[in-house]
Amino acid sequence: MHSITSAHRKFTCLSPTLVRIQFSPDGKFEERRSIVAHASQEPLAFKSQSKDGDWTVLSTGAIEIRTRDEMRPCDRNNLEIRWNDGRLMQIWRPGDRDYQNLGGTLRSLDRYAGPSCVLDGVHPATMDSPDASAQNWPAWLQCEVDPLYDKLHPAPPGNLNKGHWAREVQREQSDRRYTERTFNWYKAARRFCPCVLSGAGYYFLNDSESAVMDADDFPIEREQYGAQDWYFFAYGRDYRQALWDFRLLSGPAPVPTHRSMGIIFSRWPAFTEAEVESMARDFAANGYPLSTLVMDMEWHTEGWGTWDFNPELIPDPARFFALCRKHSLEVTFNDHPLDLRGDDSHYEDYVAKAGPGVEIRERDYNGKT
């Protein structure tokens, strides 16, 4: 009984305190590793399986799963998980929120600066996949109407606060929806994402939408719509067990390299060669271990969908990389993978190598296609 399949659901015991719950509309369950659940799984046998009226009850010894109506997706009327946290019997049903989560990291540090961005809480842990409230990337509105943007940018563009978003906000009959979105983002950005550890003694991980690994160990989209792929951790106050279960699921974390302990530095807009040279010398002169430069998106020519180096910042890529090597700097480039524009120097070669399945369409990029 390492995995138990009942109609369109499948239950797998990975440890006494970690179970996998799957629903498949066609009864074919995802078996490939995912970006999150990356380790090869070695299921354990359930301790018992029994019936309680129309409920099927599965036990790992620490977790009790109660399921019924298995032809339908899991919801709070047909799925229930119980465990004992050492003090009381706890019950979780789909849709429950956890307000005791201890908080993890941030998905992005974009625009975090000053007292307005002091972190002061944790988002409630929900069933979102992944937690949507913790990854709101700032809309262009904040770049055009927010005074903080002007103060942070070393060379603000001349059209600051003149875009159509700003005009809409200032319009007399505006419904203020753009302004409201800005305020909502600020409120959301002040909180940490949830993590595996929680004072509630459990963690729900929705892995339904993460990429899975193909035969070449390359991440690809899942092909089954409407499927559910969940993991439930129930550890009570044993936080060490929670971390062990997460390692069991995701695989061991690599030991950080010595270089990664240094300063990873980025700025928007990106750096010129002269600025890299000056900055590397300044860091060294003051005893700060600069190890990695992150080049923001101006490293390439204007707009998304292009991969050519910006000649104003990096006129000679070989010379730029030689400069970084001279100062023992690793460098990474920020990118927004979208399309490849027709005016990019790589376009013809890319289309030829992509083959007949490539999609070519007309799309406007600030007047360019």
Protein backbone atom coordinates (compact mmCIF):
# COMPACT_ATOMS: atom_id res chain seq x y z
CA MET A 1 0.00 0.00 0.00
CA HIS A 2 2.81 2.43 -0.85
CA SER A 3 0.36 4.45 -2.99
CA ILE A 4 -3.39 4.03 -2.88
CA THR A 5 -5.54 4.90 -5.89
CA SER A 6 -9.27 5.36 -5.51
CA ALA A 7 -11.19 6.39 -8.62
CA HIS A 8 -9.61 9.69 -9.74
CA ARG A 9 -7.47 10.24 -6.64
CA LYS A 10 -4.12 8.93 -5.58
CA PHE A 11 -2.59 9.07 -2.10
CA THR A 12 1.12 8.54 -1.40
CA CYS A 13 2.90 8.33 1.94
CA LEU A 14 6.38 9.86 1.68
CA SER A 15 6.99 9.88 5.43
CA PRO A 16 4.70 9.51 8.45
CA THR A 17 4.41 13.32 8.47
CA LEU A 18 4.32 14.02 4.70
CA VAL A 19 1.70 12.84 2.21
CA ARG A 20 0.98 13.51 -1.44
CA ILE A 21 -2.61 13.92 -2.63
CA GLN A 22 -3.42 13.87 -6.35
CA PHE A 23 -6.56 14.24 -8.41
CA SER A 24 -6.62 13.53 -12.14
CA PRO A 25 -9.66 14.20 -14.36
CA ASP A 26 -8.75 11.23 -16.57
CA GLY A 27 -7.24 8.99 -13.92
CA LYS A 28 -3.69 9.37 -15.26
CA PHE A 29 -1.44 10.72 -12.52
CA GLU A 30 1.70 12.81 -12.86
CA GLU A 31 4.77 10.75 -12.04
CA ARG A 32 7.55 13.07 -13.21
CA ARG A 33 9.64 15.11 -10.83
CA SER A 34 8.79 18.80 -10.60
CA ILE A 35 10.82 21.93 -10.02
CA VAL A 36 9.61 21.88 -6.39
CA ALA A 37 9.29 18.14 -5.70
CA HIS A 38 12.61 17.50 -7.37
CA ALA A 39 13.89 14.49 -5.48
CA SER A 40 13.08 10.95 -6.57
CA GLN A 41 10.28 9.70 -4.34
CA GLU A 42 10.44 6.47 -2.36
CA PRO A 43 6.95 5.97 -0.92
CA LEU A 44 6.29 4.19 2.33
CA ALA A 45 3.40 1.90 3.08
CA PHE A 46 0.33 3.34 4.79
CA LYS A 47 -0.16 1.87 8.25
CA SER A 48 -3.82 1.15 7.68
CA GLN A 49 -6.84 1.61 5.42
CA SER A 50 -10.39 1.43 6.73
CA LYS A 51 -13.96 2.64 6.15
CA ASP A 52 -16.04 5.02 8.27
CA GLY A 53 -19.45 5.22 6.63
CA ASP A 54 -18.86 6.66 3.15
CA TRP A 55 -15.38 7.87 4.15
CA THR A 56 -12.19 5.97 3.32
CA VAL A 57 -9.65 6.48 6.09
CA LEU A 58 -5.90 6.18 5.43
CA SER A 59 -3.31 6.40 8.21
CA THR A 60 0.45 6.95 8.08
CA GLY A 61 0.75 6.56 11.83
CA ALA A 62 0.94 10.35 12.27
CA ILE A 63 -1.52 11.63 9.65
CA GLU A 64 -5.07 10.45 9.05
CA ILE A 65 -6.56 11.16 5.60
CA ARG A 66 -10.32 10.96 5.20
CA THR A 67 -11.59 10.93 1.61
CA ARG A 68 -14.85 10.32 -0.21
CA ASP A 69 -16.52 11.10 -3.55
CA GLU A 70 -13.23 10.36 -5.30
CA MET A 71 -14.58 10.98 -8.81
CA ARG A 72 -14.55 14.72 -8.04
CA PRO A 73 -11.69 17.15 -7.32
CA CYS A 74 -10.70 17.47 -3.68
CA ASP A 75 -12.61 20.09 -1.71
CA ARG A 76 -13.56 20.71 1.89
CA ASN A 77 -16.65 18.51 1.59
CA ASN A 78 -14.81 15.38 0.48
CA LEU A 79 -11.32 15.60 1.96
CA GLU A 80 -10.12 15.99 5.53
CA ILE A 81 -6.72 15.59 7.17
CA ARG A 82 -6.25 14.99 10.89
CA TRP A 83 -3.14 14.82 13.06
CA ASN A 84 -2.14 15.26 16.70
CA ASP A 85 0.29 18.10 17.40
CA GLY A 86 1.19 16.72 20.84
CA ARG A 87 -1.53 18.69 22.57
CA LEU A 88 -4.72 18.54 20.52
CA MET A 89 -6.20 16.79 17.51
CA GLN A 90 -5.94 19.14 14.52
CA ILE A 91 -8.10 19.10 11.39
CA TRP A 92 -7.43 20.65 7.98
CA ARG A 93 -9.81 20.92 5.04
CA PRO A 94 -9.15 22.46 1.61
CA GLY A 95 -9.64 26.22 1.78
CA ASP A 96 -8.35 26.64 5.33
CA ARG A 97 -5.91 29.51 5.87
CA ASP A 98 -2.93 29.45 8.21
CA TYR A 99 -2.34 32.73 10.06
CA GLN A 100 0.48 31.34 12.22
CA ASN A 101 3.01 30.75 9.46
CA LEU A 102 6.49 31.86 10.48
CA GLY A 103 7.40 33.33 7.12
CA GLY A 104 10.02 32.62 4.51
CA THR A 105 11.82 34.81 2.04
CA LEU A 106 10.79 37.31 -0.63
CA ARG A 107 10.32 36.43 -4.25
CA SER A 108 11.73 39.76 -5.40
CA LEU A 109 13.57 42.74 -3.94
CA ASP A 110 12.34 45.11 -6.64
CA ARG A 111 11.76 48.58 -5.18
CA TYR A 112 12.57 47.65 -1.58
CA ALA A 113 14.14 50.75 -0.09
CA GLY A 114 13.47 53.14 2.76
CA PRO A 115 11.00 53.12 5.64
CA SER A 116 8.01 52.59 3.37
CA CYS A 117 9.22 49.05 2.66
CA VAL A 118 9.94 47.84 6.19
CA LEU A 119 8.68 44.26 6.43
CA ASP A 120 6.18 43.77 9.21
CA GLY A 121 4.36 40.48 8.82
CA VAL A 122 3.72 37.26 6.93
CA HIS A 123 1.09 36.55 4.30
CA PRO A 124 -1.47 34.00 5.46
CA ALA A 125 -0.60 30.60 3.99
CA THR A 126 -3.32 29.76 1.47
CA MET A 127 -3.92 27.20 -1.25
CA ASP A 128 -2.59 29.42 -4.03
CA SER A 129 -0.01 27.86 -6.29
CA PRO A 130 2.36 29.44 -5.59
CA ASP A 131 1.30 32.00 -2.98
CA ALA A 132 -0.06 34.73 -5.22
CA SER A 133 -0.22 37.49 -2.62
CA ALA A 134 3.52 37.30 -2.02
CA GLN A 135 4.70 37.69 -5.59
CA ASN A 136 2.91 40.78 -6.88
CA TRP A 137 5.46 42.29 -9.21
CA PRO A 138 4.97 46.06 -9.37
CA ALA A 139 2.86 47.19 -12.31
CA TRP A 140 4.08 49.96 -14.56
CA LEU A 141 1.81 52.26 -12.62
CA GLN A 142 4.26 52.42 -9.76
CA CYS A 143 7.04 53.30 -12.18
CA GLU A 144 5.10 56.25 -13.55
CA VAL A 145 3.18 57.85 -10.71
CA ASP A 146 5.12 56.90 -7.60
CA PRO A 147 7.39 59.62 -6.19
CA LEU A 148 9.59 56.93 -4.63
CA TYR A 149 10.58 55.84 -8.11
CA ASP A 150 11.88 59.31 -8.95
CA LYS A 151 14.04 59.39 -5.83
CA LEU A 152 15.55 55.95 -6.39
CA HIS A 153 16.34 56.30 -10.08
CA PRO A 154 19.81 57.85 -10.64
CA ALA A 155 18.68 59.30 -13.98
CA PRO A 156 14.87 59.43 -14.16
CA PRO A 157 13.50 59.51 -17.71
CA GLY A 158 12.04 62.70 -19.08
CA ASN A 159 8.56 61.21 -19.46
CA LEU A 160 8.26 60.40 -15.75
CA ASN A 161 4.65 60.84 -14.55
CA LYS A 162 3.49 61.50 -18.10
CA GLY A 163 2.35 58.03 -19.17
CA HIS A 164 -1.24 56.96 -19.83
CA TRP A 165 -1.46 55.35 -16.38
CA ALA A 166 -0.74 58.70 -14.77
CA ARG A 167 -3.23 60.48 -17.00
CA GLU A 168 -5.90 57.95 -16.04
CA VAL A 169 -5.24 58.41 -12.33
CA GLN A 170 -5.46 62.19 -12.64
CA ARG A 171 -8.59 62.16 -14.82
CA GLU A 172 -11.56 63.76 -13.04
CA GLN A 173 -13.87 60.78 -13.71
CA SER A 174 -11.21 58.16 -12.88
CA ASP A 175 -12.51 55.19 -10.90
CA ARG A 176 -9.17 55.12 -9.06
CA ARG A 177 -8.61 51.45 -9.77
CA TYR A 178 -4.96 52.06 -10.74
CA THR A 179 -4.27 53.98 -7.55
CA GLU A 180 -5.94 51.25 -5.53
CA ARG A 181 -3.72 48.64 -7.16
CA THR A 182 -0.66 50.66 -6.18
CA PHE A 183 -1.77 50.88 -2.56
CA ASN A 184 -2.61 47.16 -2.51
CA TRP A 185 0.85 46.33 -3.81
CA TYR A 186 2.53 48.41 -1.12
CA LYS A 187 0.49 46.66 1.56
CA ALA A 188 1.26 43.21 0.15
CA ALA A 189 4.94 43.94 -0.37
CA ARG A 190 5.48 44.59 3.33
CA ARG A 191 4.94 40.94 4.22
CA PHE A 192 7.06 37.83 3.87
CA CYS A 193 5.96 34.80 1.87
CA PRO A 194 4.80 31.79 3.89
CA CYS A 195 7.26 28.95 4.43
CA VAL A 196 7.20 25.31 5.51
CA LEU A 197 7.41 26.17 9.22
CA SER A 198 4.28 27.30 11.03
CA GLY A 199 3.06 27.67 14.58
CA ALA A 200 -0.05 25.84 13.40
CA GLY A 201 2.06 22.69 13.01
CA TYR A 202 1.32 22.05 9.33
CA TYR A 203 2.07 23.28 5.83
CA PHE A 204 0.08 22.82 2.63
CA LEU A 205 2.08 22.90 -0.62
CA ASN A 206 0.19 23.20 -3.89
CA ASP A 207 2.46 21.83 -6.61
CA SER A 208 -0.27 21.59 -9.25
CA GLU A 209 1.12 24.22 -11.60
CA SER A 210 4.88 23.96 -11.24
CA ALA A 211 6.97 22.77 -14.17
CA VAL A 212 7.87 19.08 -14.41
CA MET A 213 11.11 17.56 -15.71
CA ASP A 214 11.08 15.87 -19.10
CA ALA A 215 13.20 12.91 -20.23
CA ASP A 216 16.15 15.27 -20.75
CA ASP A 217 15.72 16.69 -17.24
CA PHE A 218 14.47 19.97 -18.68
CA PRO A 219 11.52 21.80 -17.04
CA ILE A 220 8.34 21.85 -19.13
CA GLU A 221 4.71 22.78 -18.53
CA ARG A 222 2.27 20.19 -17.28
CA GLU A 223 -0.12 18.90 -19.89
CA GLN A 224 -3.10 18.03 -17.70
CA TYR A 225 -5.60 20.76 -16.90
CA GLY A 226 -7.79 20.52 -13.83
CA ALA A 227 -5.39 18.18 -12.02
CA GLN A 228 -4.47 18.62 -8.36
CA ASP A 229 -1.04 17.77 -7.00
CA TRP A 230 -0.74 18.57 -3.31
CA TYR A 231 1.67 17.85 -0.47
CA PHE A 232 0.68 18.07 3.17
CA PHE A 233 3.19 18.36 6.02
CA ALA A 234 1.91 17.71 9.56
CA TYR A 235 4.73 18.00 12.10
CA GLY A 236 3.20 19.65 15.16
CA ARG A 237 6.08 21.32 17.06
CA ASP A 238 8.77 19.17 15.47
CA TYR A 239 10.23 21.77 13.12
CA ARG A 240 13.30 19.65 12.49
CA GLN A 241 11.00 16.98 11.05
CA ALA A 242 9.34 19.59 8.82
CA LEU A 243 12.72 20.60 7.36
CA TRP A 244 13.70 16.97 6.94
CA ASP A 245 10.46 16.26 5.06
CA PHE A 246 11.03 19.26 2.81
CA ARG A 247 14.54 18.01 2.05
CA LEU A 248 13.05 14.60 1.32
CA LEU A 249 10.69 16.25 -1.17
CA SER A 250 12.94 18.79 -2.84
CA GLY A 251 16.32 17.11 -2.50
CA PRO A 252 19.39 18.24 -0.58
CA ALA A 253 20.41 21.86 -0.99
CA PRO A 254 23.88 22.32 -2.49
CA VAL A 255 26.55 23.80 -0.25
CA PRO A 256 26.90 27.50 -1.17
CA THR A 257 30.14 28.38 -2.87
CA HIS A 258 32.61 30.62 -1.09
CA ARG A 259 32.07 33.29 -3.75
CA SER A 260 28.33 33.38 -3.09
CA MET A 261 29.03 34.66 0.42
CA GLY A 262 30.23 37.95 -1.03
CA ILE A 263 28.11 40.90 -2.13
CA ILE A 264 25.73 40.40 -5.06
CA PHE A 265 25.09 43.88 -6.39
CA SER A 266 22.55 45.20 -8.86
CA ARG A 267 21.17 48.51 -9.98
CA TRP A 268 18.60 49.75 -12.42
CA PRO A 269 19.63 51.04 -14.87
CA ALA A 270 22.54 48.71 -15.57
CA PHE A 271 26.25 49.62 -15.46
CA THR A 272 28.64 50.89 -18.08
CA GLU A 273 32.14 49.44 -18.34
CA ALA A 274 33.59 52.55 -16.70
CA GLU A 275 31.17 52.20 -13.80
CA VAL A 276 32.08 48.55 -13.33
CA GLU A 277 35.76 49.44 -13.20
CA SER A 278 35.22 52.27 -10.73
CA MET A 279 32.82 50.30 -8.55
CA ALA A 280 35.09 47.25 -8.33
CA ARG A 281 37.99 49.43 -7.20
CA ASP A 282 35.82 51.29 -4.66
CA PHE A 283 34.51 48.07 -3.12
CA ALA A 284 38.02 46.66 -2.86
CA ALA A 285 39.44 49.86 -1.40
CA ASN A 286 36.84 49.80 1.37
CA GLY A 287 37.27 46.11 2.14
CA TYR A 288 33.87 44.95 0.88
CA PRO A 289 33.86 41.57 -0.94
CA LEU A 290 32.04 42.30 -4.18
CA SER A 291 31.54 38.94 -5.90
CA THR A 292 28.69 39.18 -8.41
CA LEU A 293 27.20 41.85 -10.66
CA VAL A 294 23.60 41.59 -11.78
CA MET A 295 23.08 43.51 -15.01
CA ASP A 296 19.51 44.78 -15.29
CA MET A 297 17.64 44.64 -18.57
CA GLU A 298 19.40 47.59 -20.20
CA TRP A 299 22.28 45.21 -20.99
CA HIS A 300 20.40 44.44 -24.20
CA THR A 301 18.97 46.78 -26.81
CA GLU A 302 15.76 48.62 -26.04
CA GLY A 303 12.60 46.70 -25.21
CA TRP A 304 11.72 43.12 -24.44
CA GLY A 305 12.29 40.34 -26.94
CA THR A 306 15.85 41.19 -27.92
CA TRP A 307 19.18 39.54 -27.07
CA ASP A 308 21.68 41.93 -28.65
CA PHE A 309 24.04 43.73 -26.30
CA ASN A 310 23.34 47.42 -25.77
CA PRO A 311 26.24 49.14 -27.55
CA GLU A 312 26.04 52.15 -25.23
CA LEU A 313 26.69 50.02 -22.15
CA ILE A 314 28.58 47.04 -23.55
CA PRO A 315 30.10 48.04 -26.90
CA ASP A 316 32.58 45.14 -26.75
CA PRO A 317 31.18 42.09 -24.88
CA ALA A 318 34.54 40.26 -24.88
CA ARG A 319 36.22 43.27 -23.30
CA PHE A 320 33.40 43.60 -20.76
CA PHE A 321 33.77 39.98 -19.61
CA ALA A 322 37.55 40.36 -19.50
CA LEU A 323 37.05 43.36 -17.20
CA CYS A 324 34.82 41.29 -14.90
CA ARG A 325 37.36 38.47 -14.82
CA LYS A 326 40.13 40.93 -13.99
CA HIS A 327 38.24 41.92 -10.85
CA SER A 328 37.17 38.30 -10.10
CA LEU A 329 33.53 39.22 -10.66
CA GLU A 330 30.86 36.82 -11.73
CA VAL A 331 28.12 38.45 -13.79
CA THR A 332 24.52 37.53 -14.49
CA PHE A 333 22.03 39.21 -16.81
CA ASN A 334 18.41 39.97 -15.99
CA ASP A 335 16.04 38.93 -18.75
CA HIS A 336 12.33 38.87 -19.46
CA PRO A 337 11.95 35.78 -21.70
CA LEU A 338 9.09 36.62 -24.00
CA ASP A 339 9.64 36.54 -27.75
CA LEU A 340 12.46 37.18 -30.18
CA ARG A 341 11.96 40.32 -32.22
CA GLY A 342 12.47 40.37 -35.95
CA ASP A 343 15.05 43.15 -35.68
CA ASP A 344 17.32 41.08 -33.40
CA SER A 345 20.52 39.81 -35.00
CA HIS A 346 19.76 36.27 -33.80
CA TYR A 347 16.29 36.14 -35.37
CA GLU A 348 16.97 34.41 -38.70
CA ASP A 349 19.27 31.80 -37.16
CA TYR A 350 16.79 31.14 -34.36
CA VAL A 351 13.85 30.62 -36.73
CA ALA A 352 15.93 28.29 -38.89
CA LYS A 353 16.99 26.14 -35.95
CA ALA A 354 13.53 26.16 -34.30
CA GLY A 355 12.05 24.36 -37.28
CA PRO A 356 8.53 24.37 -38.73
CA GLY A 357 6.86 24.35 -35.31
CA VAL A 358 7.99 27.86 -34.40
CA GLU A 359 5.21 30.45 -34.01
CA ILE A 360 5.76 33.72 -35.86
CA ARG A 361 3.37 36.57 -35.20
CA GLU A 362 3.17 40.32 -35.43
CA ARG A 363 3.54 42.08 -32.10
CA ASP A 364 4.21 45.71 -31.31
CA TYR A 365 7.11 46.69 -29.02
CA ASN A 366 6.88 50.46 -28.72
CA GLY A 367 6.56 50.81 -32.46
CA LYS A 368 8.82 47.88 -33.31
CA THR A 369 7.79 44.33 -34.29
